[in-house]
Amino acid sequence: MTLTFKVKPGYRLNILSFSFYNCTTATNWTTNVTTGYKNWLMTINGLQVGADTMNRGFTMVSTGTRIVENPANGLMGTVTVVLDF
């Protein structure tokens, strides 16, 4: 999943933390089929800012507020956030 946006000219963007809900590996009780994904990785302008394994048996789980692993500070122009799972 990719999100691309532009920082307004004259401004700089600092990303210190993030959170999102994700679909984990839950077994559909009606079909006994495992769905969702276990792993995710997020990059901002190619720099890894977070990754984790979600090994819980729930259909929707929040990452909670996570501090970025690598500073994403002073961003200008086009910013691209990629979430791989």
N, C-alpha and C. Protein backbone atom coordinates (compact mmCIF):
# COMPACT_ATOMS: atom_id res chain seq x y z
N MET A 1 0.85 -1.15 0.00
CA MET A 1 0.00 0.00 0.00
C MET A 1 0.91 1.23 0.00
N THR A 2 0.61 2.19 -0.85
CA THR A 2 1.45 3.38 -0.96
C THR A 2 0.62 4.64 -0.79
N LEU A 3 1.14 5.55 0.00
CA LEU A 3 0.53 6.87 0.19
C LEU A 3 1.59 7.89 -0.21
N THR A 4 1.25 8.73 -1.18
CA THR A 4 2.16 9.78 -1.63
C THR A 4 1.48 11.13 -1.45
N PHE A 5 2.20 12.08 -0.87
CA PHE A 5 1.65 13.42 -0.68
C PHE A 5 2.79 14.43 -0.74
N LYS A 6 2.43 15.70 -0.84
CA LYS A 6 3.44 16.77 -0.92
C LYS A 6 3.36 17.64 0.32
N VAL A 7 4.53 17.98 0.84
CA VAL A 7 4.64 18.92 1.95
C VAL A 7 4.57 20.32 1.34
N LYS A 8 3.77 21.17 1.95
CA LYS A 8 3.59 22.53 1.44
C LYS A 8 4.94 23.25 1.37
N PRO A 9 5.20 23.96 0.26
CA PRO A 9 6.46 24.70 0.15
C PRO A 9 6.67 25.63 1.35
N GLY A 10 7.90 25.65 1.84
CA GLY A 10 8.23 26.46 3.00
C GLY A 10 8.07 25.73 4.33
N TYR A 11 7.53 24.50 4.28
CA TYR A 11 7.34 23.71 5.49
C TYR A 11 8.21 22.46 5.43
N ARG A 12 8.50 21.91 6.59
CA ARG A 12 9.22 20.64 6.71
C ARG A 12 8.39 19.71 7.58
N LEU A 13 8.41 18.44 7.27
CA LEU A 13 7.63 17.44 7.98
C LEU A 13 8.54 16.57 8.83
N ASN A 14 8.19 16.42 10.11
CA ASN A 14 8.87 15.50 11.01
C ASN A 14 7.88 14.42 11.40
N ILE A 15 8.22 13.17 11.15
CA ILE A 15 7.36 12.05 11.54
C ILE A 15 8.05 11.35 12.70
N LEU A 16 7.42 11.43 13.86
CA LEU A 16 8.01 10.88 15.09
C LEU A 16 7.40 9.53 15.47
N SER A 17 6.13 9.34 15.11
CA SER A 17 5.43 8.11 15.50
C SER A 17 4.31 7.84 14.52
N PHE A 18 3.73 6.66 14.63
CA PHE A 18 2.60 6.28 13.77
C PHE A 18 1.83 5.17 14.44
N SER A 19 0.64 4.91 13.95
CA SER A 19 -0.15 3.75 14.37
C SER A 19 -1.16 3.44 13.28
N PHE A 20 -1.59 2.20 13.23
CA PHE A 20 -2.63 1.79 12.29
C PHE A 20 -3.23 0.47 12.76
N TYR A 21 -4.40 0.16 12.26
CA TYR A 21 -5.01 -1.14 12.49
C TYR A 21 -4.62 -2.05 11.35
N ASN A 22 -4.40 -3.31 11.67
CA ASN A 22 -4.04 -4.25 10.61
C ASN A 22 -4.79 -5.56 10.79
N CYS A 23 -4.93 -6.25 9.69
CA CYS A 23 -5.60 -7.54 9.67
C CYS A 23 -4.58 -8.62 10.01
N THR A 24 -4.76 -9.29 11.12
CA THR A 24 -3.79 -10.30 11.53
C THR A 24 -4.21 -11.67 11.04
N THR A 25 -3.44 -12.65 11.38
CA THR A 25 -3.74 -14.01 10.96
C THR A 25 -4.80 -14.59 11.88
N ALA A 26 -6.02 -14.49 11.46
CA ALA A 26 -7.13 -15.05 12.22
C ALA A 26 -7.76 -16.17 11.41
N THR A 27 -8.21 -17.18 12.09
CA THR A 27 -8.88 -18.28 11.41
C THR A 27 -10.37 -17.99 11.34
N ASN A 28 -10.91 -18.02 10.14
CA ASN A 28 -12.34 -17.84 9.95
C ASN A 28 -13.04 -19.07 10.51
N TRP A 29 -13.82 -18.89 11.54
CA TRP A 29 -14.42 -20.03 12.23
C TRP A 29 -15.43 -20.76 11.35
N THR A 30 -15.97 -20.11 10.32
CA THR A 30 -16.95 -20.78 9.47
C THR A 30 -16.30 -21.66 8.41
N THR A 31 -15.06 -21.31 8.01
CA THR A 31 -14.39 -22.08 6.96
C THR A 31 -13.10 -22.72 7.42
N ASN A 32 -12.63 -22.36 8.62
CA ASN A 32 -11.37 -22.85 9.17
C ASN A 32 -10.18 -22.47 8.28
N VAL A 33 -10.28 -21.34 7.60
CA VAL A 33 -9.21 -20.85 6.73
C VAL A 33 -8.53 -19.67 7.41
N THR A 34 -7.19 -19.67 7.41
CA THR A 34 -6.43 -18.57 7.99
C THR A 34 -6.33 -17.44 6.98
N THR A 35 -6.63 -16.22 7.43
CA THR A 35 -6.61 -15.06 6.55
C THR A 35 -5.69 -14.00 7.13
N GLY A 36 -5.52 -12.92 6.39
CA GLY A 36 -4.73 -11.80 6.89
C GLY A 36 -3.25 -12.00 6.63
N TYR A 37 -2.44 -11.26 7.34
CA TYR A 37 -1.00 -11.31 7.16
C TYR A 37 -0.32 -11.29 8.52
N LYS A 38 0.90 -11.81 8.56
CA LYS A 38 1.64 -11.88 9.81
C LYS A 38 2.63 -10.73 9.96
N ASN A 39 3.24 -10.32 8.88
CA ASN A 39 4.34 -9.36 8.94
C ASN A 39 4.00 -8.08 8.20
N TRP A 40 4.55 -6.97 8.69
CA TRP A 40 4.42 -5.70 7.97
C TRP A 40 5.73 -4.94 8.09
N LEU A 41 5.96 -4.05 7.14
CA LEU A 41 7.15 -3.21 7.12
C LEU A 41 6.75 -1.87 6.52
N MET A 42 7.13 -0.77 7.17
CA MET A 42 6.80 0.56 6.68
C MET A 42 8.07 1.33 6.36
N THR A 43 8.07 1.99 5.19
CA THR A 43 9.16 2.87 4.81
C THR A 43 8.60 4.25 4.50
N ILE A 44 9.41 5.26 4.74
CA ILE A 44 9.08 6.64 4.37
C ILE A 44 10.25 7.13 3.53
N ASN A 45 9.96 7.45 2.28
CA ASN A 45 11.00 7.85 1.31
C ASN A 45 12.15 6.84 1.28
N GLY A 46 11.81 5.55 1.35
CA GLY A 46 12.80 4.49 1.25
C GLY A 46 13.51 4.13 2.54
N LEU A 47 13.25 4.86 3.62
CA LEU A 47 13.89 4.61 4.91
C LEU A 47 12.95 3.80 5.79
N GLN A 48 13.41 2.63 6.27
CA GLN A 48 12.55 1.81 7.12
C GLN A 48 12.30 2.52 8.44
N VAL A 49 11.01 2.66 8.79
CA VAL A 49 10.65 3.32 10.04
C VAL A 49 9.96 2.38 11.02
N GLY A 50 9.58 1.19 10.56
CA GLY A 50 8.95 0.24 11.46
C GLY A 50 8.67 -1.08 10.77
N ALA A 51 8.65 -2.14 11.57
CA ALA A 51 8.32 -3.48 11.09
C ALA A 51 7.94 -4.32 12.30
N ASP A 52 7.10 -5.31 12.08
CA ASP A 52 6.70 -6.16 13.20
C ASP A 52 6.04 -7.42 12.66
N THR A 53 5.86 -8.36 13.54
CA THR A 53 5.10 -9.58 13.26
C THR A 53 3.85 -9.54 14.11
N MET A 54 2.72 -9.73 13.49
CA MET A 54 1.44 -9.75 14.20
C MET A 54 0.94 -11.18 14.21
N ASN A 55 1.19 -11.88 15.27
CA ASN A 55 0.85 -13.29 15.36
C ASN A 55 -0.29 -13.51 16.34
N ARG A 56 -1.35 -12.76 16.20
CA ARG A 56 -2.45 -12.85 17.15
C ARG A 56 -3.69 -13.38 16.44
N GLY A 57 -4.54 -14.03 17.17
CA GLY A 57 -5.74 -14.63 16.59
C GLY A 57 -6.94 -13.71 16.60
N PHE A 58 -6.76 -12.46 16.24
CA PHE A 58 -7.86 -11.51 16.17
C PHE A 58 -7.95 -10.98 14.75
N THR A 59 -9.13 -10.52 14.34
CA THR A 59 -9.29 -10.05 12.97
C THR A 59 -8.73 -8.66 12.76
N MET A 60 -8.74 -7.79 13.76
CA MET A 60 -8.18 -6.44 13.64
C MET A 60 -7.38 -6.13 14.90
N VAL A 61 -6.14 -5.69 14.71
CA VAL A 61 -5.26 -5.38 15.83
C VAL A 61 -4.58 -4.06 15.55
N SER A 62 -4.50 -3.21 16.57
CA SER A 62 -3.79 -1.94 16.44
C SER A 62 -2.31 -2.15 16.73
N THR A 63 -1.48 -1.43 16.02
CA THR A 63 -0.05 -1.46 16.31
C THR A 63 0.24 -0.70 17.59
N GLY A 64 -0.72 0.12 18.04
CA GLY A 64 -0.45 1.04 19.14
C GLY A 64 0.44 2.15 18.60
N THR A 65 0.72 3.14 19.39
CA THR A 65 1.60 4.22 18.94
C THR A 65 3.03 3.71 18.93
N ARG A 66 3.66 3.77 17.78
CA ARG A 66 5.03 3.28 17.63
C ARG A 66 5.94 4.44 17.28
N ILE A 67 7.06 4.54 17.95
CA ILE A 67 8.08 5.53 17.64
C ILE A 67 8.83 5.04 16.40
N VAL A 68 9.12 5.92 15.45
CA VAL A 68 9.84 5.51 14.25
C VAL A 68 11.22 4.97 14.61
N GLU A 69 11.64 3.91 13.91
CA GLU A 69 12.95 3.30 14.16
C GLU A 69 14.08 4.19 13.69
N ASN A 70 13.86 4.91 12.62
CA ASN A 70 14.85 5.82 12.05
C ASN A 70 14.19 7.18 11.88
N PRO A 71 14.87 8.25 12.22
CA PRO A 71 14.27 9.58 12.13
C PRO A 71 13.81 9.91 10.71
N ALA A 72 12.60 10.41 10.61
CA ALA A 72 12.07 10.90 9.33
C ALA A 72 11.79 12.38 9.54
N ASN A 73 12.85 13.16 9.59
CA ASN A 73 12.74 14.58 9.94
C ASN A 73 13.13 15.48 8.77
N GLY A 74 12.54 16.66 8.75
CA GLY A 74 12.91 17.67 7.76
C GLY A 74 12.49 17.32 6.35
N LEU A 75 11.45 16.51 6.21
CA LEU A 75 11.02 16.10 4.87
C LEU A 75 10.38 17.27 4.14
N MET A 76 10.75 17.43 2.88
CA MET A 76 10.19 18.49 2.04
C MET A 76 9.77 17.87 0.71
N GLY A 77 8.90 18.56 0.00
CA GLY A 77 8.49 18.07 -1.32
C GLY A 77 7.61 16.85 -1.22
N THR A 78 7.84 15.90 -2.11
CA THR A 78 7.02 14.69 -2.17
C THR A 78 7.47 13.68 -1.12
N VAL A 79 6.51 13.15 -0.37
CA VAL A 79 6.76 12.13 0.65
C VAL A 79 6.01 10.88 0.24
N THR A 80 6.69 9.75 0.28
CA THR A 80 6.07 8.47 -0.07
C THR A 80 6.18 7.52 1.11
N VAL A 81 5.02 7.08 1.59
CA VAL A 81 4.95 6.11 2.68
C VAL A 81 4.49 4.79 2.06
N VAL A 82 5.27 3.74 2.29
CA VAL A 82 4.92 2.42 1.75
C VAL A 82 4.75 1.46 2.92
N LEU A 83 3.63 0.75 2.91
CA LEU A 83 3.35 -0.27 3.91
C LEU A 83 3.26 -1.60 3.18
N ASP A 84 4.24 -2.47 3.44
CA ASP A 84 4.26 -3.81 2.83
C ASP A 84 3.81 -4.82 3.86
N PHE A 85 3.00 -5.77 3.41
CA PHE A 85 2.58 -6.86 4.28
C PHE A 85 2.35 -8.10 3.47
